Structure formats: C-alpha cells, structure tokens
C-alpha atoms as a PDB file:
ATOM      1  CA  MET A   1      17.908 -21.545   6.428  1.00  0.00           C
ATOM      2  CA  ALA A   2      16.329 -24.700   7.837  1.00  0.00           C
ATOM      3  CA  PRO A   3      14.250 -26.747   5.369  1.00  0.00           C
ATOM      4  CA  ALA A   4      10.600 -25.722   5.175  1.00  0.00           C
ATOM      5  CA  LYS A   5       8.374 -28.381   6.701  1.00  0.00           C
ATOM      6  CA  SER A   6       5.325 -27.495   4.622  1.00  0.00           C
ATOM      7  CA  ILE A   7       4.049 -25.450   1.698  1.00  0.00           C
ATOM      8  CA  THR A   8       1.574 -22.612   2.190  1.00  0.00           C
ATOM      9  CA  VAL A   9      -0.501 -21.836  -0.892  1.00  0.00           C
ATOM     10  CA  ILE A  10      -1.708 -18.235  -0.690  1.00  0.00           C
ATOM     11  CA  SER A  11      -4.573 -17.518  -3.082  1.00  0.00           C
ATOM     12  CA  SER A  12      -5.230 -13.931  -4.184  1.00  0.00           C
ATOM     13  CA  PRO A  13      -8.151 -14.336  -6.621  1.00  0.00           C
ATOM     14  CA  TYR A  14      -8.424 -10.682  -7.599  1.00  0.00           C
ATOM     15  CA  HIS A  15      -7.905  -8.432 -10.595  1.00  0.00           C
ATOM     16  CA  LEU A  16      -7.130  -4.969  -9.249  1.00  0.00           C
ATOM     17  CA  GLY A  17      -9.252  -5.833  -6.233  1.00  0.00           C
ATOM     18  CA  ALA A  18     -12.205  -7.347  -8.127  1.00  0.00           C
ATOM     19  CA  ARG A  19     -12.748 -10.968  -7.144  1.00  0.00           C
ATOM     20  CA  ASP A  20     -12.792 -13.663  -9.873  1.00  0.00           C
ATOM     21  CA  LYS A  21     -12.695 -11.076 -12.656  1.00  0.00           C
ATOM     22  CA  ALA A  22     -10.407 -11.701 -15.657  1.00  0.00           C
ATOM     23  CA  VAL A  23      -7.036 -12.904 -14.287  1.00  0.00           C
ATOM     24  CA  GLY A  24      -8.588 -12.887 -10.826  1.00  0.00           C
ATOM     25  CA  ALA A  25     -10.364 -16.109 -11.792  1.00  0.00           C
ATOM     26  CA  GLY A  26      -7.047 -17.871 -12.424  1.00  0.00           C
ATOM     27  CA  PRO A  27      -6.093 -18.907  -8.874  1.00  0.00           C
ATOM     28  CA  THR A  28      -9.423 -20.620  -8.232  1.00  0.00           C
ATOM     29  CA  ILE A  29      -9.292 -22.488 -11.546  1.00  0.00           C
ATOM     30  CA  LEU A  30      -5.742 -23.689 -10.893  1.00  0.00           C
ATOM     31  CA  ILE A  31      -6.835 -25.035  -7.517  1.00  0.00           C
ATOM     32  CA  LYS A  32      -9.940 -26.670  -9.022  1.00  0.00           C
ATOM     33  CA  ALA A  33      -7.711 -28.263 -11.675  1.00  0.00           C
ATOM     34  CA  GLY A  34      -5.997 -30.235  -8.922  1.00  0.00           C
ATOM     35  CA  LEU A  35      -2.974 -28.195  -7.850  1.00  0.00           C
ATOM     36  CA  ILE A  36      -3.387 -28.707  -4.100  1.00  0.00           C
ATOM     37  CA  THR A  37      -4.272 -32.373  -4.536  1.00  0.00           C
ATOM     38  CA  ALA A  38      -1.223 -32.925  -6.747  1.00  0.00           C
ATOM     39  CA  LEU A  39       1.099 -31.343  -4.181  1.00  0.00           C
ATOM     40  CA  ARG A  40      -0.293 -33.471  -1.379  1.00  0.00           C
ATOM     41  CA  GLU A  41      -0.101 -36.636  -3.478  1.00  0.00           C
ATOM     42  CA  GLN A  42       3.586 -35.906  -3.961  1.00  0.00           C
ATOM     43  CA  GLY A  43       4.041 -36.090  -0.188  1.00  0.00           C
ATOM     44  CA  PHE A  44       4.055 -32.410   0.752  1.00  0.00           C
ATOM     45  CA  ALA A  45       2.166 -30.975   3.701  1.00  0.00           C
ATOM     46  CA  VAL A  46       0.090 -28.126   2.264  1.00  0.00           C
ATOM     47  CA  ASN A  47      -1.721 -25.267   3.991  1.00  0.00           C
ATOM     48  CA  VAL A  48      -4.129 -23.071   2.019  1.00  0.00           C
ATOM     49  CA  VAL A  49      -4.881 -19.413   2.758  1.00  0.00           C
ATOM     50  CA  GLU A  50      -7.078 -17.054   0.746  1.00  0.00           C
ATOM     51  CA  LEU A  51      -6.874 -13.280   0.995  1.00  0.00           C
ATOM     52  CA  GLU A  52     -10.070 -11.644   2.201  1.00  0.00           C
ATOM     53  CA  PRO A  53     -11.981  -9.303  -0.165  1.00  0.00           C
ATOM     54  CA  VAL A  54     -10.947  -5.654  -0.299  1.00  0.00           C
ATOM     55  CA  ASP A  55     -14.314  -4.254  -1.351  1.00  0.00           C
ATOM     56  CA  ASP A  56     -14.269  -1.676   1.450  1.00  0.00           C
ATOM     57  CA  PHE A  57     -11.343   0.129  -0.176  1.00  0.00           C
ATOM     58  CA  ASP A  58     -12.170   2.829  -2.704  1.00  0.00           C
ATOM     59  CA  GLY A  59     -10.637   2.486  -6.170  1.00  0.00           C
ATOM     60  CA  GLU A  60      -8.286   0.088  -7.932  1.00  0.00           C
ATOM     61  CA  ILE A  61      -5.112   1.638  -6.552  1.00  0.00           C
ATOM     62  CA  ALA A  62      -6.260   1.470  -2.942  1.00  0.00           C
ATOM     63  CA  ARG A  63      -7.539  -2.092  -3.363  1.00  0.00           C
ATOM     64  CA  LEU A  64      -4.358  -3.298  -5.041  1.00  0.00           C
ATOM     65  CA  PHE A  65      -2.087  -1.871  -2.368  1.00  0.00           C
ATOM     66  CA  GLU A  66      -4.216  -3.337   0.401  1.00  0.00           C
ATOM     67  CA  LEU A  67      -3.779  -6.742  -1.250  1.00  0.00           C
ATOM     68  CA  LEU A  68      -0.018  -6.139  -1.332  1.00  0.00           C
ATOM     69  CA  ARG A  69      -0.015  -5.284   2.372  1.00  0.00           C
ATOM     70  CA  ARG A  70      -1.979  -8.439   3.178  1.00  0.00           C
ATOM     71  CA  THR A  71       0.247 -10.555   0.947  1.00  0.00           C
ATOM     72  CA  SER A  72       3.331  -9.248   2.725  1.00  0.00           C
ATOM     73  CA  LYS A  73       1.952 -10.110   6.158  1.00  0.00           C
ATOM     74  CA  ILE A  74       0.859 -13.633   5.192  1.00  0.00           C
ATOM     75  CA  VAL A  75       4.157 -14.399   3.442  1.00  0.00           C
ATOM     76  CA  THR A  76       6.029 -13.305   6.569  1.00  0.00           C
ATOM     77  CA  GLN A  77       3.809 -15.480   8.763  1.00  0.00           C
ATOM     78  CA  ALA A  78       4.311 -18.493   6.494  1.00  0.00           C
ATOM     79  CA  VAL A  79       8.101 -18.158   6.349  1.00  0.00           C
ATOM     80  CA  ASP A  80       8.387 -17.557  10.091  1.00  0.00           C
ATOM     81  CA  ALA A  81       6.300 -20.695  10.653  1.00  0.00           C
ATOM     82  CA  GLY A  82       8.756 -22.745   8.585  1.00  0.00           C
ATOM     83  CA  SER A  83       6.553 -23.007   5.487  1.00  0.00           C
ATOM     84  CA  PHE A  84       7.442 -22.326   1.837  1.00  0.00           C
ATOM     85  CA  PRO A  85       5.029 -19.780   0.278  1.00  0.00           C
ATOM     86  CA  ILE A  86       3.454 -20.382  -3.127  1.00  0.00           C
ATOM     87  CA  ILE A  87       1.300 -17.461  -4.165  1.00  0.00           C
ATOM     88  CA  LEU A  88      -1.470 -17.849  -6.739  1.00  0.00           C
ATOM     89  CA  SER A  89      -2.428 -14.360  -7.846  1.00  0.00           C
ATOM     90  CA  GLY A  90      -4.529 -12.695 -10.457  1.00  0.00           C
ATOM     91  CA  ASN A  91      -2.227  -9.722 -10.789  1.00  0.00           C
ATOM     92  CA  CYS A  92       1.533 -10.005 -11.112  1.00  0.00           C
ATOM     93  CA  SER A  93       1.892  -7.012  -8.785  1.00  0.00           C
ATOM     94  CA  ALA A  94       1.492  -9.515  -5.958  1.00  0.00           C
ATOM     95  CA  ALA A  95       5.242 -10.072  -6.294  1.00  0.00           C
ATOM     96  CA  VAL A  96       5.797  -6.719  -4.584  1.00  0.00           C
ATOM     97  CA  GLY A  97       3.989  -7.999  -1.505  1.00  0.00           C
ATOM     98  CA  VAL A  98       5.921 -11.261  -1.677  1.00  0.00           C
ATOM     99  CA  ALA A  99       9.269  -9.465  -1.744  1.00  0.00           C
ATOM    100  CA  ALA A 100       8.231  -7.275   1.160  1.00  0.00           C
ATOM    101  CA  GLY A 101       6.990 -10.238   3.175  1.00  0.00           C
ATOM    102  CA  LEU A 102      10.220 -12.123   2.698  1.00  0.00           C
ATOM    103  CA  SER A 103      12.295  -9.080   3.654  1.00  0.00           C
ATOM    104  CA  THR A 104      10.533  -8.717   6.992  1.00  0.00           C
ATOM    105  CA  SER A 105      10.647 -12.397   7.961  1.00  0.00           C
ATOM    106  CA  ASN A 106      12.770 -13.262  10.978  1.00  0.00           C
ATOM    107  CA  GLU A 107      15.462 -15.090   9.002  1.00  0.00           C
ATOM    108  CA  PHE A 108      15.885 -12.301   6.443  1.00  0.00           C
ATOM    109  CA  LEU A 109      16.003  -9.668   9.187  1.00  0.00           C
ATOM    110  CA  ARG A 110      18.505 -11.687  11.203  1.00  0.00           C
ATOM    111  CA  ARG A 111      20.797 -12.085   8.218  1.00  0.00           C
ATOM    112  CA  LYS A 112      20.129  -8.553   6.936  1.00  0.00           C
ATOM    113  CA  ILE A 113      19.362  -9.775   3.426  1.00  0.00           C
ATOM    114  CA  MET A 114      16.802  -9.046   0.728  1.00  0.00           C
ATOM    115  CA  PRO A 115      15.451 -11.440  -1.897  1.00  0.00           C
ATOM    116  CA  ALA A 116      16.623 -11.433  -5.478  1.00  0.00           C
ATOM    117  CA  CYS A 117      14.116 -12.294  -8.230  1.00  0.00           C
ATOM    118  CA  VAL A 118      13.827 -14.488 -11.332  1.00  0.00           C
ATOM    119  CA  TRP A 119      10.827 -13.239 -13.311  1.00  0.00           C
ATOM    120  CA  PHE A 120       9.130 -15.116 -16.187  1.00  0.00           C
ATOM    121  CA  ASP A 121       6.921 -12.922 -18.376  1.00  0.00           C
ATOM    122  CA  ALA A 122       6.137 -11.982 -21.981  1.00  0.00           C
ATOM    123  CA  HIS A 123       6.205  -8.335 -20.968  1.00  0.00           C
ATOM    124  CA  ASP A 124       8.650  -6.014 -19.265  1.00  0.00           C
ATOM    125  CA  ASP A 125       6.238  -4.855 -16.512  1.00  0.00           C
ATOM    126  CA  PHE A 126       8.697  -2.014 -16.059  1.00  0.00           C
ATOM    127  CA  ASN A 127       6.283   0.769 -16.947  1.00  0.00           C
ATOM    128  CA  THR A 128       5.573   3.900 -14.963  1.00  0.00           C
ATOM    129  CA  PRO A 129       2.574   6.240 -15.129  1.00  0.00           C
ATOM    130  CA  ASP A 130       4.765   8.603 -17.138  1.00  0.00           C
ATOM    131  CA  SER A 131       5.948   6.018 -19.675  1.00  0.00           C
ATOM    132  CA  LEU A 132       2.638   4.265 -20.389  1.00  0.00           C
ATOM    133  CA  ALA A 133      -0.209   6.073 -22.134  1.00  0.00           C
ATOM    134  CA  SER A 134      -2.854   3.653 -20.863  1.00  0.00           C
ATOM    135  CA  GLY A 135      -1.673   3.894 -17.258  1.00  0.00           C
ATOM    136  CA  TYR A 136      -2.489   0.195 -16.786  1.00  0.00           C
ATOM    137  CA  LEU A 137      -1.726  -0.400 -13.145  1.00  0.00           C
ATOM    138  CA  ASP A 138      -0.618  -4.026 -13.405  1.00  0.00           C
ATOM    139  CA  SER A 139       2.102  -3.255 -15.955  1.00  0.00           C
ATOM    140  CA  MET A 140       4.320  -1.654 -13.307  1.00  0.00           C
ATOM    141  CA  PRO A 141       5.389  -4.315 -10.760  1.00  0.00           C
ATOM    142  CA  VAL A 142       9.039  -4.525 -11.855  1.00  0.00           C
ATOM    143  CA  ALA A 143       9.311  -0.750 -11.633  1.00  0.00           C
ATOM    144  CA  MET A 144       7.646  -1.041  -8.225  1.00  0.00           C
ATOM    145  CA  LEU A 145      10.177  -3.654  -7.103  1.00  0.00           C
ATOM    146  CA  GLY A 146      12.906  -1.224  -8.105  1.00  0.00           C
ATOM    147  CA  GLY A 147      11.250   1.550  -6.075  1.00  0.00           C
ATOM    148  CA  GLU A 148      10.723   3.781  -9.100  1.00  0.00           C
ATOM    149  CA  VAL A 149       6.964   4.411  -8.758  1.00  0.00           C
ATOM    150  CA  TRP A 150       4.256   4.699  -6.091  1.00  0.00           C
ATOM    151  CA  LYS A 151       6.896   5.399  -3.458  1.00  0.00           C
ATOM    152  CA  THR A 152       4.521   6.690  -0.787  1.00  0.00           C
ATOM    153  CA  LEU A 153       2.131   3.764  -1.141  1.00  0.00           C
ATOM    154  CA  LEU A 154       4.988   1.268  -1.284  1.00  0.00           C
ATOM    155  CA  SER A 155       6.198   2.568   2.067  1.00  0.00           C
ATOM    156  CA  SER A 156       2.874   1.331   3.516  1.00  0.00           C
ATOM    157  CA  VAL A 157       3.619  -2.280   2.501  1.00  0.00           C
ATOM    158  CA  PRO A 158       5.236  -3.966   5.534  1.00  0.00           C
ATOM    159  CA  GLY A 159       8.872  -4.778   4.850  1.00  0.00           C
ATOM    160  CA  PHE A 160       9.121  -3.204   1.393  1.00  0.00           C
ATOM    161  CA  GLN A 161      12.591  -2.129   0.321  1.00  0.00           C
ATOM    162  CA  PRO A 162      13.635  -1.275  -3.249  1.00  0.00           C
ATOM    163  CA  MET A 163      15.471  -4.030  -5.096  1.00  0.00           C
ATOM    164  CA  ASP A 164      18.707  -3.436  -6.981  1.00  0.00           C
ATOM    165  CA  LEU A 165      17.384  -4.670 -10.328  1.00  0.00           C
ATOM    166  CA  LYS A 166      20.716  -4.571 -12.102  1.00  0.00           C
ATOM    167  CA  LYS A 167      22.288  -6.834  -9.487  1.00  0.00           C
ATOM    168  CA  SER A 168      19.399  -8.980  -8.275  1.00  0.00           C
ATOM    169  CA  PHE A 169      16.840  -9.357 -11.058  1.00  0.00           C
ATOM    170  CA  VAL A 170      16.674 -11.697 -14.071  1.00  0.00           C
ATOM    171  CA  HIS A 171      13.828 -11.539 -16.589  1.00  0.00           C
ATOM    172  CA  VAL A 172      12.975 -14.578 -18.729  1.00  0.00           C
ATOM    173  CA  GLY A 173      10.786 -14.585 -21.844  1.00  0.00           C
ATOM    174  CA  MET A 174      10.360 -10.880 -22.550  1.00  0.00           C
ATOM    175  CA  ARG A 175       9.301 -10.190 -26.139  1.00  0.00           C
ATOM    176  CA  ASP A 176       5.997  -8.286 -26.356  1.00  0.00           C
ATOM    177  CA  VAL A 177       7.323  -4.772 -25.772  1.00  0.00           C
ATOM    178  CA  THR A 178       7.247  -1.423 -27.530  1.00  0.00           C
ATOM    179  CA  GLU A 179      10.429   0.295 -28.631  1.00  0.00           C
ATOM    180  CA  LEU A 180      10.114   2.654 -25.662  1.00  0.00           C
ATOM    181  CA  GLU A 181       9.716  -0.265 -23.253  1.00  0.00           C
ATOM    182  CA  ARG A 182      12.691  -2.074 -24.775  1.00  0.00           C
ATOM    183  CA  ALA A 183      14.839   1.051 -24.505  1.00  0.00           C
ATOM    184  CA  ARG A 184      13.887   1.551 -20.861  1.00  0.00           C
ATOM    185  CA  VAL A 185      14.769  -2.074 -20.055  1.00  0.00           C
ATOM    186  CA  VAL A 186      18.134  -1.785 -21.788  1.00  0.00           C
ATOM    187  CA  ASP A 187      18.878   1.457 -19.937  1.00  0.00           C
ATOM    188  CA  ALA A 188      17.954  -0.158 -16.612  1.00  0.00           C
ATOM    189  CA  GLY A 189      20.630  -2.787 -17.185  1.00  0.00           C
ATOM    190  CA  PHE A 190      18.981  -5.822 -15.622  1.00  0.00           C
ATOM    191  CA  SER A 191      19.489  -9.267 -17.168  1.00  0.00           C
ATOM    192  CA  VAL A 192      16.993 -10.349 -19.836  1.00  0.00           C
ATOM    193  CA  ILE A 193      16.629 -13.637 -21.689  1.00  0.00           C
ATOM    194  CA  TRP A 194      14.609 -12.494 -24.660  1.00  0.00           C
ATOM    195  CA  GLY A 195      11.895 -14.504 -26.336  1.00  0.00           C
ATOM    196  CA  ASP A 196      11.798 -14.643 -30.124  1.00  0.00           C
ATOM    197  CA  ALA A 197       8.842 -15.357 -32.397  1.00  0.00           C
ATOM    198  CA  ASN A 198      11.180 -16.341 -35.249  1.00  0.00           C
ATOM    199  CA  ARG A 199      13.253 -19.001 -33.482  1.00  0.00           C
ATOM    200  CA  HIS A 200      13.060 -21.246 -30.451  1.00  0.00           C
ATOM    201  CA  VAL A 201      15.188 -19.968 -27.601  1.00  0.00           C
ATOM    202  CA  ASP A 202      16.895 -22.465 -25.307  1.00  0.00           C
ATOM    203  CA  PHE A 203      15.576 -20.703 -22.230  1.00  0.00           C
ATOM    204  CA  ARG A 204      16.860 -23.258 -19.729  1.00  0.00           C
ATOM    205  CA  THR A 205      20.451 -23.130 -20.954  1.00  0.00           C
ATOM    206  CA  GLU A 206      20.497 -19.353 -21.233  1.00  0.00           C
ATOM    207  CA  LEU A 207      18.946 -18.910 -17.788  1.00  0.00           C
ATOM    208  CA  GLN A 208      21.397 -21.349 -16.233  1.00  0.00           C
ATOM    209  CA  GLY A 209      24.325 -19.499 -17.787  1.00  0.00           C
ATOM    210  CA  THR A 210      23.004 -16.149 -16.559  1.00  0.00           C
ATOM    211  CA  LEU A 211      22.565 -17.442 -13.017  1.00  0.00           C
ATOM    212  CA  GLU A 212      26.069 -18.898 -12.978  1.00  0.00           C
ATOM    213  CA  ASP A 213      27.397 -15.394 -13.620  1.00  0.00           C
ATOM    214  CA  LYS A 214      25.453 -13.927 -10.686  1.00  0.00           C
ATOM    215  CA  ASP A 215      25.406 -14.383  -6.925  1.00  0.00           C
ATOM    216  CA  MET A 216      21.639 -14.359  -6.416  1.00  0.00           C
ATOM    217  CA  GLY A 217      21.351 -16.036  -3.019  1.00  0.00           C
ATOM    218  CA  GLU A 218      17.835 -16.138  -1.573  1.00  0.00           C
ATOM    219  CA  THR A 219      15.566 -15.586  -4.568  1.00  0.00           C
ATOM    220  CA  MET A 220      11.857 -15.257  -5.180  1.00  0.00           C
ATOM    221  CA  VAL A 221      10.595 -16.845  -8.389  1.00  0.00           C
ATOM    222  CA  HIS A 222       7.753 -15.207 -10.303  1.00  0.00           C
ATOM    223  CA  VAL A 223       5.922 -16.970 -13.141  1.00  0.00           C
ATOM    224  CA  ASP A 224       3.604 -14.784 -15.150  1.00  0.00           C
ATOM    225  CA  LEU A 225       1.958 -17.553 -17.164  1.00  0.00           C
ATOM    226  CA  ASP A 226       1.905 -15.524 -20.369  1.00  0.00           C
ATOM    227  CA  CYS A 227       5.618 -16.284 -20.509  1.00  0.00           C
ATOM    228  CA  LEU A 228       4.291 -19.359 -22.335  1.00  0.00           C
ATOM    229  CA  ASP A 229       4.224 -19.371 -26.114  1.00  0.00           C
ATOM    230  CA  THR A 230       0.786 -19.063 -27.713  1.00  0.00           C
ATOM    231  CA  SER A 231       1.276 -22.531 -29.247  1.00  0.00           C
ATOM    232  CA  VAL A 232       0.991 -23.910 -25.701  1.00  0.00           C
ATOM    233  CA  GLY A 233      -2.248 -22.046 -25.083  1.00  0.00           C
ATOM    234  CA  VAL A 234      -3.717 -18.589 -24.661  1.00  0.00           C
ATOM    235  CA  VAL A 235      -3.124 -17.423 -21.098  1.00  0.00           C
ATOM    236  CA  ASN A 236      -4.687 -13.960 -21.247  1.00  0.00           C
ATOM    237  CA  LYS A 237      -5.457 -11.143 -23.663  1.00  0.00           C
ATOM    238  CA  PHE A 238      -1.773 -10.158 -23.746  1.00  0.00           C
ATOM    239  CA  SER A 239      -0.419 -13.591 -24.769  1.00  0.00           C
ATOM    240  CA  ALA A 240       2.242 -13.443 -27.474  1.00  0.00           C
ATOM    241  CA  PRO A 241       4.269 -15.833 -29.671  1.00  0.00           C
ATOM    242  CA  GLY A 242       7.957 -16.412 -29.072  1.00  0.00           C
ATOM    243  CA  GLY A 243       7.745 -17.639 -25.495  1.00  0.00           C
ATOM    244  CA  LEU A 244       8.439 -20.755 -23.471  1.00  0.00           C
ATOM    245  CA  LEU A 245       7.152 -24.161 -24.505  1.00  0.00           C
ATOM    246  CA  GLU A 246       5.945 -26.591 -21.860  1.00  0.00           C
ATOM    247  CA  GLU A 247       9.320 -28.308 -21.708  1.00  0.00           C
ATOM    248  CA  ASP A 248      11.046 -24.928 -21.340  1.00  0.00           C
ATOM    249  CA  LEU A 249       8.929 -23.953 -18.341  1.00  0.00           C
ATOM    250  CA  VAL A 250       9.309 -27.351 -16.671  1.00  0.00           C
ATOM    251  CA  GLY A 251      13.053 -27.436 -17.387  1.00  0.00           C
ATOM    252  CA  CYS A 252      13.673 -23.930 -16.062  1.00  0.00           C
ATOM    253  CA  LEU A 253      11.683 -24.472 -12.885  1.00  0.00           C
ATOM    254  CA  GLU A 254      13.315 -27.830 -12.222  1.00  0.00           C
ATOM    255  CA  MET A 255      16.765 -26.301 -12.689  1.00  0.00           C
ATOM    256  CA  LEU A 256      16.318 -23.202 -10.526  1.00  0.00           C
ATOM    257  CA  PRO A 257      16.688 -24.783  -7.041  1.00  0.00           C
ATOM    258  CA  ARG A 258      20.051 -26.156  -8.133  1.00  0.00           C
ATOM    259  CA  LYS A 259      21.379 -22.696  -9.056  1.00  0.00           C
ATOM    260  CA  ILE A 260      19.674 -20.416  -6.529  1.00  0.00           C
ATOM    261  CA  ARG A 261      17.924 -20.848  -3.187  1.00  0.00           C
ATOM    262  CA  PRO A 262      14.248 -20.091  -3.911  1.00  0.00           C
ATOM    263  CA  SER A 263      12.371 -18.358  -1.090  1.00  0.00           C
ATOM    264  CA  ALA A 264       8.904 -18.171  -2.667  1.00  0.00           C
ATOM    265  CA  LEU A 265       7.070 -18.897  -5.910  1.00  0.00           C
ATOM    266  CA  THR A 266       4.359 -16.697  -7.408  1.00  0.00           C
ATOM    267  CA  VAL A 267       2.130 -17.834 -10.295  1.00  0.00           C
ATOM    268  CA  ALA A 268       0.032 -15.079 -11.866  1.00  0.00           C
ATOM    269  CA  SER A 269      -1.849 -13.584 -14.814  1.00  0.00           C
ATOM    270  CA  TYR A 270      -3.950 -16.562 -15.935  1.00  0.00           C
ATOM    271  CA  ASP A 271      -7.339 -15.529 -17.344  1.00  0.00           C
ATOM    272  CA  PRO A 272      -9.373 -18.731 -17.888  1.00  0.00           C
ATOM    273  CA  SER A 273     -11.840 -16.956 -20.192  1.00  0.00           C
ATOM    274  CA  PHE A 274      -9.132 -16.947 -22.897  1.00  0.00           C
ATOM    275  CA  ASP A 275      -8.259 -20.619 -22.354  1.00  0.00           C
ATOM    276  CA  GLU A 276     -11.389 -22.229 -23.767  1.00  0.00           C
ATOM    277  CA  ASP A 277      -9.844 -25.708 -23.998  1.00  0.00           C
ATOM    278  CA  GLY A 278      -8.331 -25.621 -20.497  1.00  0.00           C
ATOM    279  CA  ARG A 279      -4.821 -26.176 -21.818  1.00  0.00           C
ATOM    280  CA  ILE A 280      -2.963 -23.985 -19.327  1.00  0.00           C
ATOM    281  CA  PRO A 281      -3.652 -25.550 -15.885  1.00  0.00           C
ATOM    282  CA  PRO A 282      -1.999 -28.921 -16.687  1.00  0.00           C
ATOM    283  CA  VAL A 283       1.119 -27.124 -17.942  1.00  0.00           C
ATOM    284  CA  ALA A 284       1.224 -24.823 -14.922  1.00  0.00           C
ATOM    285  CA  ILE A 285       0.805 -27.745 -12.520  1.00  0.00           C
ATOM    286  CA  LYS A 286       3.540 -29.782 -14.234  1.00  0.00           C
ATOM    287  CA  GLY A 287       5.915 -26.844 -13.958  1.00  0.00           C
ATOM    288  CA  LEU A 288       5.038 -26.231 -10.329  1.00  0.00           C
ATOM    289  CA  LEU A 289       5.479 -29.898  -9.388  1.00  0.00           C
ATOM    290  CA  ALA A 290       8.867 -30.011 -11.126  1.00  0.00           C
ATOM    291  CA  PHE A 291       9.844 -26.966  -9.068  1.00  0.00           C
ATOM    292  CA  VAL A 292       8.756 -28.313  -5.675  1.00  0.00           C
ATOM    293  CA  ARG A 293      10.271 -31.745  -6.318  1.00  0.00           C
ATOM    294  CA  SER A 294      13.535 -29.990  -7.087  1.00  0.00           C
ATOM    295  CA  LEU A 295      13.160 -27.952  -3.896  1.00  0.00           C
ATOM    296  CA  ALA A 296      12.831 -31.223  -1.993  1.00  0.00           C
ATOM    297  CA  SER A 297      15.851 -32.744  -3.722  1.00  0.00           C
ATOM    298  CA  GLN A 298      17.939 -29.752  -2.609  1.00  0.00           C
ATOM    299  CA  GLY A 299      16.716 -29.921   0.987  1.00  0.00           C
ATOM    300  CA  ILE A 300      14.800 -26.638   0.756  1.00  0.00           C
ATOM    301  CA  VAL A 301      11.381 -28.179   1.447  1.00  0.00           C
ATOM    302  CA  VAL A 302      10.717 -31.431   3.292  1.00  0.00           C
ATOM    303  CA  CYS A 303       8.838 -34.058   1.306  1.00  0.00           C
ATOM    304  CA  ALA A 304       7.705 -37.194   3.111  1.00  0.00           C
ATOM    305  CA  SER A 305       7.665 -39.399   0.023  1.00  0.00           C
ATOM    306  CA  VAL A 306      10.183 -38.179  -2.539  1.00  0.00           C
ATOM    307  CA  LYS A 307      11.078 -41.695  -3.603  1.00  0.00           C
ATOM    308  CA  GLY A 308       7.456 -42.516  -4.405  1.00  0.00           C
ATOM    309  CA  GLU A 309       6.653 -39.304  -6.207  1.00  0.00           C
ATOM    310  CA  ARG A 310       6.353 -40.823  -9.680  1.00  0.00           C
ATOM    311  CA  ASN A 311       3.819 -43.378  -8.525  1.00  0.00           C
ATOM    312  CA  SER A 312       1.080 -40.845  -7.887  1.00  0.00           C
ATOM    313  CA  ARG A 313      -0.759 -38.405 -10.119  1.00  0.00           C
ATOM    314  CA  SER A 314       1.185 -39.686 -13.110  1.00  0.00           C
ATOM    315  CA  SER A 315      -0.815 -37.477 -15.473  1.00  0.00           C
ATOM    316  CA  TRP A 316       1.073 -34.451 -14.149  1.00  0.00           C
ATOM    317  CA  LEU A 317       4.514 -35.913 -14.817  1.00  0.00           C
END
C-alpha cells in the first residue's frame, strides 16, 4: 500500500449510544488533553471527524450497531482517501466497525485480504450472551470479530467478515477473567500474552516473539486503555493490577510497525470519572505518538518533519 498522506482521527464519544457517558467521555478528554495538537506538532497532517449522535435509534443494541455501521463507512472513506485512521471510542466494540471498514476499502478488496488484529486489554472481551450472566454488551467484541454472536446484526455492518481468531488475532495484557472466560479463551486457541499481578511481564519482548511466529500482514491495532496496570492510573471501573506499565505500552506500540503493517489504531474504554488526577491522557498520548512516529519511520504514514520531532511538545516524549 502507498504511504498514508495524513491521519484521520475518528471520535466516537459514546457509551452504548449515550454521548459523553462513562467511557463515552474518554475521546473528548483525550482530545482536550492535547492529542490532536501533539500529532500536528510532530509534523502530521490531521483530519478530525466525529460520529453523529444515534439518539433516534431505540435501545442500546440498535444504537451500538448503528455506530459500528457509521464507523465502518468512515474508516473506508479515510483509507480510500489515503489517510491512516485513528479511532477514539468509548466502547471497545468500535473495533468491529474498524475491521469491517478496512475490509471494504478499495485496497483490501483489490488484494482480497482481511485485517488481522493485535488487541491490548485487561479482559478477554470474548463473551457471548450465553456465557455471561450480566449480558454486558461491550464485553463481546472479540467474539463479534470472530463472528460468534449477533450474526444478523453484524451482517448489516458494511464490509464485516468474521476473523480467523486463531490465525489472525493476538491478545496482550489479559488477566481479569473468570475461570469460565479463561477456559473459553484457551479453547478458542488464539494467542494471548497474559498479564500477572504477581510479577512484571516483559510484554514487548513476548509480543515481538509472538509476532515473529505469525504472518499477520495488514493488522488493526486496538488499545483498550485498561490494559494499563492500576499503578499507572485507574482507567475505568474494570481496571485491574498486573497490566502494562507506561514503558510497556510505549515500547509495544513503537515496536509494532516494525513487525506488522498497521492499518488502523483504536483507543477505547477510558472513563475520566475514575481518573481523578488525570494520569491516563499523558500516558495514552505518549504511546500514540510513539506509534505514529514508528509508522512514519517505516514509511506507512508520511510525516513532514520526522527529523525535528523531538524538538516539539517535549512533555509527551
């Protein structure tokens, strides 16, 4: 693929369709913390798009799937316009729309390929309505990516095709799971780099080794910010110990463009009401900047001023 000439930041500030509620407030706070400014100061051309409200749709399920349909369409438009999509979402289910949007872009259709996925998260997100007593809708996106749930509604998302999780999916940071969830993940057979509350995991080295054993190709990257350890900060009500430190997140994201070809980045699940000291946005922005600078170094995204990148916004570096 030709290098992207710009970055398109797609903001989806919703929690199950409700604007600025809980994790839905995260995208706006990340932007207010200086994310767009930091990208532009690094020399990247940045477009910003925000998904329109879905209040006219009745119920959480209908609203969520409409957001996925809209995400798919905007991701396709961005990629076809030669822009690299970065999605800021309340819910991690946005990744389903991202995958669908990539799959229906001109380049993916021409080459008859589908995106793989590297997924950072404290949780498995591999639940189904039958396996989860609470039925929490946003705990199912990995199962959705695999085409295991909501099949009729998924068919309404433009470009959606089930992903072969065992072949094309790597999960980083999983640790806050029940025995049933762990058993389901093991049975599914996709790669997992487990977090551990009792020891520090070298996530970067383990992820690099896993990727070297796979042929991932074009890959979407998903960062559920509660992949971070609670010592870094509290991301949301589901935050858990045993996760990535700041240097782990930055190191992993910087390394990824040298081992795979990223097609999109999604950042999700940040609830600012649990982050009273505002500790998470600076960490998220540092990780994101490390990622896009690495994209530029690999010729995936054009940056007008790579050589001067460390002279601006030094507080993020």
